């Protein structure tokens, strides 16, 4: 799928898309990864004390992802 297509830009003009590709990674055997992960969780946890998923999926840019993947699921 070409996420740079004009159709996608017209459907979701304010959405940002990104791709991360990782090979040969096993987080269960990576002590360094687990330390970084835990550190990041501790940093962002206070910002999400009152987190409600229903409100989150309605906010930008997440609402574009939700809408896109719902359409994609219907096509499969």
PDB file of N, CA and C in Angstrom:
ATOM      1  N   UNK A   1       0.853  -1.179   0.000  1.00  0.00           N
ATOM      2  CA  UNK A   1       0.000   0.000   0.000  1.00  0.00           C
ATOM      3  C   UNK A   1       0.894   1.235   0.000  1.00  0.00           C
ATOM      4  N   UNK A   2       0.600   2.161  -0.871  1.00  0.00           N
ATOM      5  CA  UNK A   2       1.355   3.406  -0.931  1.00  0.00           C
ATOM      6  C   UNK A   2       0.630   4.447  -0.095  1.00  0.00           C
ATOM      7  N   UNK A   3       1.180   4.744   1.082  1.00  0.00           N
ATOM      8  CA  UNK A   3       0.505   5.674   1.994  1.00  0.00           C
ATOM      9  C   UNK A   3       0.645   7.119   1.553  1.00  0.00           C
ATOM     10  N   UNK A   4       1.389   7.354   0.479  1.00  0.00           N
ATOM     11  CA  UNK A   4       1.559   8.710  -0.017  1.00  0.00           C
ATOM     12  C   UNK A   4       0.568   9.035  -1.116  1.00  0.00           C
ATOM     13  N   UNK A   5      -0.377   8.153  -1.369  1.00  0.00           N
ATOM     14  CA  UNK A   5      -1.303   8.346  -2.484  1.00  0.00           C
ATOM     15  C   UNK A   5      -2.181   9.577  -2.275  1.00  0.00           C
ATOM     16  N   UNK A   6      -2.588  10.142  -3.371  1.00  0.00           N
ATOM     17  CA  UNK A   6      -3.445  11.331  -3.325  1.00  0.00           C
ATOM     18  C   UNK A   6      -4.804  11.015  -2.697  1.00  0.00           C
ATOM     19  N   UNK A   7      -5.314   9.806  -2.937  1.00  0.00           N
ATOM     20  CA  UNK A   7      -6.607   9.428  -2.364  1.00  0.00           C
ATOM     21  C   UNK A   7      -6.529   9.426  -0.835  1.00  0.00           C
ATOM     22  N   UNK A   8      -5.459   8.869  -0.301  1.00  0.00           N
ATOM     23  CA  UNK A   8      -5.295   8.834   1.151  1.00  0.00           C
ATOM     24  C   UNK A   8      -5.163  10.246   1.707  1.00  0.00           C
ATOM     25  N   UNK A   9      -4.423  11.092   1.015  1.00  0.00           N
ATOM     26  CA  UNK A   9      -4.272  12.483   1.457  1.00  0.00           C
ATOM     27  C   UNK A   9      -5.605  13.212   1.442  1.00  0.00           C
ATOM     28  N   UNK A  10      -6.447  12.903   0.443  1.00  0.00           N
ATOM     29  CA  UNK A  10      -7.747  13.573   0.388  1.00  0.00           C
ATOM     30  C   UNK A  10      -8.701  13.059   1.461  1.00  0.00           C
ATOM     31  N   UNK A  11      -8.610  11.762   1.790  1.00  0.00           N
ATOM     32  CA  UNK A  11      -9.476  11.189   2.824  1.00  0.00           C
ATOM     33  C   UNK A  11      -9.079  11.650   4.226  1.00  0.00           C
ATOM     34  N   UNK A  12      -7.763  11.751   4.461  1.00  0.00           N
ATOM     35  CA  UNK A  12      -7.246  12.077   5.794  1.00  0.00           C
ATOM     36  C   UNK A  12      -6.213  13.194   5.678  1.00  0.00           C
ATOM     37  N   UNK A  13      -6.652  14.419   5.399  1.00  0.00           N
ATOM     38  CA  UNK A  13      -5.713  15.508   5.120  1.00  0.00           C
ATOM     39  C   UNK A  13      -4.798  15.888   6.286  1.00  0.00           C
ATOM     40  N   UNK A  14      -5.220  15.675   7.509  1.00  0.00           N
ATOM     41  CA  UNK A  14      -4.407  16.070   8.666  1.00  0.00           C
ATOM     42  C   UNK A  14      -3.718  14.907   9.353  1.00  0.00           C
ATOM     43  N   UNK A  15      -3.785  13.728   8.758  1.00  0.00           N
ATOM     44  CA  UNK A  15      -3.211  12.533   9.386  1.00  0.00           C
ATOM     45  C   UNK A  15      -1.730  12.397   9.039  1.00  0.00           C
ATOM     46  N   UNK A  16      -0.975  11.869   9.996  1.00  0.00           N
ATOM     47  CA  UNK A  16       0.433  11.566   9.794  1.00  0.00           C
ATOM     48  C   UNK A  16       0.605  10.059   9.871  1.00  0.00           C
ATOM     49  N   UNK A  17       1.409   9.508   9.008  1.00  0.00           N
ATOM     50  CA  UNK A  17       1.639   8.077   8.994  1.00  0.00           C
ATOM     51  C   UNK A  17       3.127   7.816   9.132  1.00  0.00           C
ATOM     52  N   UNK A  18       3.455   6.761   9.804  1.00  0.00           N
ATOM     53  CA  UNK A  18       4.850   6.378   9.935  1.00  0.00           C
ATOM     54  C   UNK A  18       4.989   4.869   9.932  1.00  0.00           C
ATOM     55  N   UNK A  19       6.168   4.431   9.533  1.00  0.00           N
ATOM     56  CA  UNK A  19       6.446   3.001   9.490  1.00  0.00           C
ATOM     57  C   UNK A  19       7.768   2.745  10.193  1.00  0.00           C
ATOM     58  N   UNK A  20       7.798   1.732  11.024  1.00  0.00           N
ATOM     59  CA  UNK A  20       9.021   1.300  11.689  1.00  0.00           C
ATOM     60  C   UNK A  20       9.196  -0.173  11.380  1.00  0.00           C
ATOM     61  N   UNK A  21      10.333  -0.505  10.794  1.00  0.00           N
ATOM     62  CA  UNK A  21      10.609  -1.897  10.439  1.00  0.00           C
ATOM     63  C   UNK A  21      11.819  -2.353  11.251  1.00  0.00           C
ATOM     64  N   UNK A  22      11.632  -3.430  11.999  1.00  0.00           N
ATOM     65  CA  UNK A  22      12.698  -3.969  12.840  1.00  0.00           C
ATOM     66  C   UNK A  22      12.859  -5.446  12.510  1.00  0.00           C
ATOM     67  N   UNK A  23      14.111  -5.880  12.343  1.00  0.00           N
ATOM     68  CA  UNK A  23      14.383  -7.283  12.044  1.00  0.00           C
ATOM     69  C   UNK A  23      15.174  -7.912  13.184  1.00  0.00           C
ATOM     70  N   UNK A  24      14.933  -9.200  13.382  1.00  0.00           N
ATOM     71  CA  UNK A  24      15.704 -10.004  14.347  1.00  0.00           C
ATOM     72  C   UNK A  24      15.737  -9.391  15.749  1.00  0.00           C
ATOM     73  N   UNK A  25      14.597  -8.983  16.234  1.00  0.00           N
ATOM     74  CA  UNK A  25      14.512  -8.378  17.561  1.00  0.00           C
ATOM     75  C   UNK A  25      13.621  -9.225  18.443  1.00  0.00           C
ATOM     76  N   UNK A  26      14.122  -9.589  19.608  1.00  0.00           N
ATOM     77  CA  UNK A  26      13.357 -10.365  20.569  1.00  0.00           C
ATOM     78  C   UNK A  26      13.376  -9.614  21.897  1.00  0.00           C
ATOM     79  N   UNK A  27      12.322  -8.833  22.193  1.00  0.00           N
ATOM     80  CA  UNK A  27      12.324  -8.017  23.405  1.00  0.00           C
ATOM     81  C   UNK A  27      12.389  -8.820  24.700  1.00  0.00           C
ATOM     82  N   UNK A  28      12.007 -10.079  24.670  1.00  0.00           N
ATOM     83  CA  UNK A  28      12.049 -10.897  25.887  1.00  0.00           C
ATOM     84  C   UNK A  28      13.479 -11.174  26.324  1.00  0.00           C
ATOM     85  N   UNK A  29      14.399 -11.155  25.379  1.00  0.00           N
ATOM     86  CA  UNK A  29      15.798 -11.442  25.688  1.00  0.00           C
ATOM     87  C   UNK A  29      16.658 -10.188  25.684  1.00  0.00           C
ATOM     88  N   UNK A  30      16.053  -9.027  25.768  1.00  0.00           N
ATOM     89  CA  UNK A  30      16.799  -7.782  25.690  1.00  0.00           C
ATOM     90  C   UNK A  30      16.639  -6.976  26.973  1.00  0.00           C
ATOM     91  N   UNK A  31      17.611  -7.109  27.870  1.00  0.00           N
ATOM     92  CA  UNK A  31      17.559  -6.389  29.146  1.00  0.00           C
ATOM     93  C   UNK A  31      17.606  -4.875  28.918  1.00  0.00           C
ATOM     94  N   UNK A  32      18.425  -4.439  27.967  1.00  0.00           N
ATOM     95  CA  UNK A  32      18.526  -3.012  27.661  1.00  0.00           C
ATOM     96  C   UNK A  32      17.205  -2.437  27.181  1.00  0.00           C
ATOM     97  N   UNK A  33      16.543  -3.167  26.298  1.00  0.00           N
ATOM     98  CA  UNK A  33      15.244  -2.720  25.797  1.00  0.00           C
ATOM     99  C   UNK A  33      14.240  -2.602  26.934  1.00  0.00           C
ATOM    100  N   UNK A  34      14.204  -3.594  27.797  1.00  0.00           N
ATOM    101  CA  UNK A  34      13.246  -3.584  28.909  1.00  0.00           C
ATOM    102  C   UNK A  34      13.492  -2.419  29.857  1.00  0.00           C
ATOM    103  N   UNK A  35      14.747  -2.038  30.070  1.00  0.00           N
ATOM    104  CA  UNK A  35      15.059  -0.879  30.925  1.00  0.00           C
ATOM    105  C   UNK A  35      14.559   0.413  30.286  1.00  0.00           C
ATOM    106  N   UNK A  36      14.822   0.557  28.993  1.00  0.00           N
ATOM    107  CA  UNK A  36      14.361   1.756  28.282  1.00  0.00           C
ATOM    108  C   UNK A  36      12.840   1.807  28.263  1.00  0.00           C
ATOM    109  N   UNK A  37      12.203   0.683  28.006  1.00  0.00           N
ATOM    110  CA  UNK A  37      10.737   0.614  27.971  1.00  0.00           C
ATOM    111  C   UNK A  37      10.143   1.038  29.315  1.00  0.00           C
ATOM    112  N   UNK A  38      10.677   0.493  30.397  1.00  0.00           N
ATOM    113  CA  UNK A  38      10.167   0.829  31.723  1.00  0.00           C
ATOM    114  C   UNK A  38      10.382   2.307  32.048  1.00  0.00           C
ATOM    115  N   UNK A  39      11.528   2.833  31.660  1.00  0.00           N
ATOM    116  CA  UNK A  39      11.818   4.252  31.880  1.00  0.00           C
ATOM    117  C   UNK A  39      10.820   5.134  31.142  1.00  0.00           C
ATOM    118  N   UNK A  40      10.524   4.789  29.903  1.00  0.00           N
ATOM    119  CA  UNK A  40       9.571   5.574  29.117  1.00  0.00           C
ATOM    120  C   UNK A  40       8.162   5.477  29.695  1.00  0.00           C
ATOM    121  N   UNK A  41       7.777   4.311  30.147  1.00  0.00           N
ATOM    122  CA  UNK A  41       6.457   4.131  30.767  1.00  0.00           C
ATOM    123  C   UNK A  41       6.342   5.012  32.006  1.00  0.00           C
ATOM    124  N   UNK A  42       7.394   5.055  32.817  1.00  0.00           N
ATOM    125  CA  UNK A  42       7.382   5.886  34.025  1.00  0.00           C
ATOM    126  C   UNK A  42       7.303   7.374  33.682  1.00  0.00           C
ATOM    127  N   UNK A  43       7.907   7.785  32.574  1.00  0.00           N
ATOM    128  CA  UNK A  43       7.865   9.192  32.169  1.00  0.00           C
ATOM    129  C   UNK A  43       6.472   9.609  31.700  1.00  0.00           C
ATOM    130  N   UNK A  44       5.811   8.750  30.933  1.00  0.00           N
ATOM    131  CA  UNK A  44       4.536   9.164  30.345  1.00  0.00           C
ATOM    132  C   UNK A  44       3.313   8.805  31.195  1.00  0.00           C
ATOM    133  N   UNK A  45       3.460   7.916  32.146  1.00  0.00           N
ATOM    134  CA  UNK A  45       2.312   7.495  32.964  1.00  0.00           C
ATOM    135  C   UNK A  45       1.568   8.648  33.632  1.00  0.00           C
ATOM    136  N   UNK A  46       2.263   9.633  34.214  1.00  0.00           N
ATOM    137  CA  UNK A  46       1.518  10.732  34.857  1.00  0.00           C
ATOM    138  C   UNK A  46       0.619  11.505  33.889  1.00  0.00           C
ATOM    139  N   UNK A  47       0.997  11.569  32.648  1.00  0.00           N
ATOM    140  CA  UNK A  47       0.188  12.301  31.668  1.00  0.00           C
ATOM    141  C   UNK A  47      -1.099  11.571  31.312  1.00  0.00           C
ATOM    142  N   UNK A  48      -1.200  10.291  31.658  1.00  0.00           N
ATOM    143  CA  UNK A  48      -2.357   9.492  31.290  1.00  0.00           C
ATOM    144  C   UNK A  48      -3.109   8.939  32.496  1.00  0.00           C
ATOM    145  N   UNK A  49      -3.030   9.624  33.618  1.00  0.00           N
ATOM    146  CA  UNK A  49      -3.734   9.152  34.819  1.00  0.00           C
ATOM    147  C   UNK A  49      -5.240   9.076  34.606  1.00  0.00           C
ATOM    148  N   UNK A  50      -5.781  10.011  33.863  1.00  0.00           N
ATOM    149  CA  UNK A  50      -7.227  10.061  33.632  1.00  0.00           C
ATOM    150  C   UNK A  50      -7.586   9.594  32.220  1.00  0.00           C
ATOM    151  N   UNK A  51      -6.785   8.699  31.674  1.00  0.00           N
ATOM    152  CA  UNK A  51      -6.951   8.212  30.305  1.00  0.00           C
ATOM    153  C   UNK A  51      -8.255   7.451  30.135  1.00  0.00           C
ATOM    154  N   UNK A  52      -8.990   7.829  29.103  1.00  0.00           N
ATOM    155  CA  UNK A  52     -10.196   7.104  28.702  1.00  0.00           C
ATOM    156  C   UNK A  52     -10.061   6.772  27.221  1.00  0.00           C
ATOM    157  N   UNK A  53     -10.057   5.496  26.892  1.00  0.00           N
ATOM    158  CA  UNK A  53      -9.860   5.080  25.506  1.00  0.00           C
ATOM    159  C   UNK A  53     -10.903   5.688  24.578  1.00  0.00           C
ATOM    160  N   UNK A  54     -12.133   5.757  25.007  1.00  0.00           N
ATOM    161  CA  UNK A  54     -13.204   6.303  24.163  1.00  0.00           C
ATOM    162  C   UNK A  54     -12.905   7.743  23.754  1.00  0.00           C
ATOM    163  N   UNK A  55     -12.369   8.540  24.658  1.00  0.00           N
ATOM    164  CA  UNK A  55     -12.004   9.919  24.332  1.00  0.00           C
ATOM    165  C   UNK A  55     -10.762   9.957  23.447  1.00  0.00           C
ATOM    166  N   UNK A  56      -9.819   9.060  23.729  1.00  0.00           N
ATOM    167  CA  UNK A  56      -8.557   9.032  22.983  1.00  0.00           C
ATOM    168  C   UNK A  56      -8.787   8.728  21.508  1.00  0.00           C
ATOM    169  N   UNK A  57      -9.628   7.750  21.185  1.00  0.00           N
ATOM    170  CA  UNK A  57      -9.837   7.373  19.788  1.00  0.00           C
ATOM    171  C   UNK A  57     -10.627   8.425  19.008  1.00  0.00           C
ATOM    172  N   UNK A  58     -11.215   9.381  19.699  1.00  0.00           N
ATOM    173  CA  UNK A  58     -11.918  10.479  19.038  1.00  0.00           C
ATOM    174  C   UNK A  58     -11.000  11.666  18.750  1.00  0.00           C
ATOM    175  N   UNK A  59      -9.810  11.663  19.339  1.00  0.00           N
ATOM    176  CA  UNK A  59      -8.902  12.799  19.202  1.00  0.00           C
ATOM    177  C   UNK A  59      -8.029  12.666  17.949  1.00  0.00           C
ATOM    178  N   UNK A  60      -7.546  13.812  17.462  1.00  0.00           N
ATOM    179  CA  UNK A  60      -6.625  13.807  16.321  1.00  0.00           C
ATOM    180  C   UNK A  60      -5.222  13.492  16.807  1.00  0.00           C
ATOM    181  N   UNK A  61      -4.416  12.801  16.083  1.00  0.00           N
ATOM    182  CA  UNK A  61      -4.650  12.175  14.794  1.00  0.00           C
ATOM    183  C   UNK A  61      -5.170  10.747  14.906  1.00  0.00           C
ATOM    184  N   UNK A  62      -5.384  10.247  16.122  1.00  0.00           N
ATOM    185  CA  UNK A  62      -5.783   8.852  16.313  1.00  0.00           C
ATOM    186  C   UNK A  62      -7.095   8.540  15.604  1.00  0.00           C
ATOM    187  N   UNK A  63      -8.012   9.500  15.584  1.00  0.00           N
ATOM    188  CA  UNK A  63      -9.300   9.238  14.937  1.00  0.00           C
ATOM    189  C   UNK A  63      -9.138   8.874  13.467  1.00  0.00           C
ATOM    190  N   UNK A  64      -8.102   9.393  12.802  1.00  0.00           N
ATOM    191  CA  UNK A  64      -7.860   9.039  11.403  1.00  0.00           C
ATOM    192  C   UNK A  64      -7.411   7.588  11.274  1.00  0.00           C
ATOM    193  N   UNK A  65      -6.559   7.145  12.178  1.00  0.00           N
ATOM    194  CA  UNK A  65      -6.103   5.757  12.158  1.00  0.00           C
ATOM    195  C   UNK A  65      -7.276   4.798  12.397  1.00  0.00           C
ATOM    196  N   UNK A  66      -8.103   5.123  13.365  1.00  0.00           N
ATOM    197  CA  UNK A  66      -9.253   4.269  13.680  1.00  0.00           C
ATOM    198  C   UNK A  66     -10.167   4.158  12.466  1.00  0.00           C
ATOM    199  N   UNK A  67     -10.466   5.287  11.850  1.00  0.00           N
ATOM    200  CA  UNK A  67     -11.342   5.303  10.679  1.00  0.00           C
ATOM    201  C   UNK A  67     -10.718   4.512   9.524  1.00  0.00           C
ATOM    202  N   UNK A  68      -9.434   4.693   9.290  1.00  0.00           N
ATOM    203  CA  UNK A  68      -8.741   3.993   8.214  1.00  0.00           C
ATOM    204  C   UNK A  68      -8.763   2.490   8.418  1.00  0.00           C
ATOM    205  N   UNK A  69      -8.422   2.026   9.615  1.00  0.00           N
ATOM    206  CA  UNK A  69      -8.358   0.591   9.848  1.00  0.00           C
ATOM    207  C   UNK A  69      -9.733  -0.061   9.890  1.00  0.00           C
ATOM    208  N   UNK A  70     -10.769   0.685  10.251  1.00  0.00           N
ATOM    209  CA  UNK A  70     -12.125   0.145  10.165  1.00  0.00           C
ATOM    210  C   UNK A  70     -12.488  -0.100   8.709  1.00  0.00           C
ATOM    211  N   UNK A  71     -12.130   0.849   7.821  1.00  0.00           N
ATOM    212  CA  UNK A  71     -12.395   0.657   6.394  1.00  0.00           C
ATOM    213  C   UNK A  71     -11.597  -0.519   5.856  1.00  0.00           C
ATOM    214  N   UNK A  72     -10.352  -0.633   6.263  1.00  0.00           N
ATOM    215  CA  UNK A  72      -9.489  -1.707   5.796  1.00  0.00           C
ATOM    216  C   UNK A  72     -10.035  -3.067   6.216  1.00  0.00           C
ATOM    217  N   UNK A  73     -10.536  -3.157   7.431  1.00  0.00           N
ATOM    218  CA  UNK A  73     -11.086  -4.418   7.932  1.00  0.00           C
ATOM    219  C   UNK A  73     -12.303  -4.834   7.096  1.00  0.00           C
ATOM    220  N   UNK A  74     -13.104  -3.865   6.679  1.00  0.00           N
ATOM    221  CA  UNK A  74     -14.293  -4.177   5.873  1.00  0.00           C
ATOM    222  C   UNK A  74     -13.910  -4.695   4.491  1.00  0.00           C
ATOM    223  N   UNK A  75     -12.741  -4.306   4.007  1.00  0.00           N
ATOM    224  CA  UNK A  75     -12.290  -4.732   2.678  1.00  0.00           C
ATOM    225  C   UNK A  75     -11.732  -6.157   2.695  1.00  0.00           C
ATOM    226  N   UNK A  76     -11.335  -6.643   3.841  1.00  0.00           N
ATOM    227  CA  UNK A  76     -10.684  -7.960   3.916  1.00  0.00           C
ATOM    228  C   UNK A  76     -11.672  -9.066   4.034  1.00  0.00           C
TER     229      UNK A  76
END
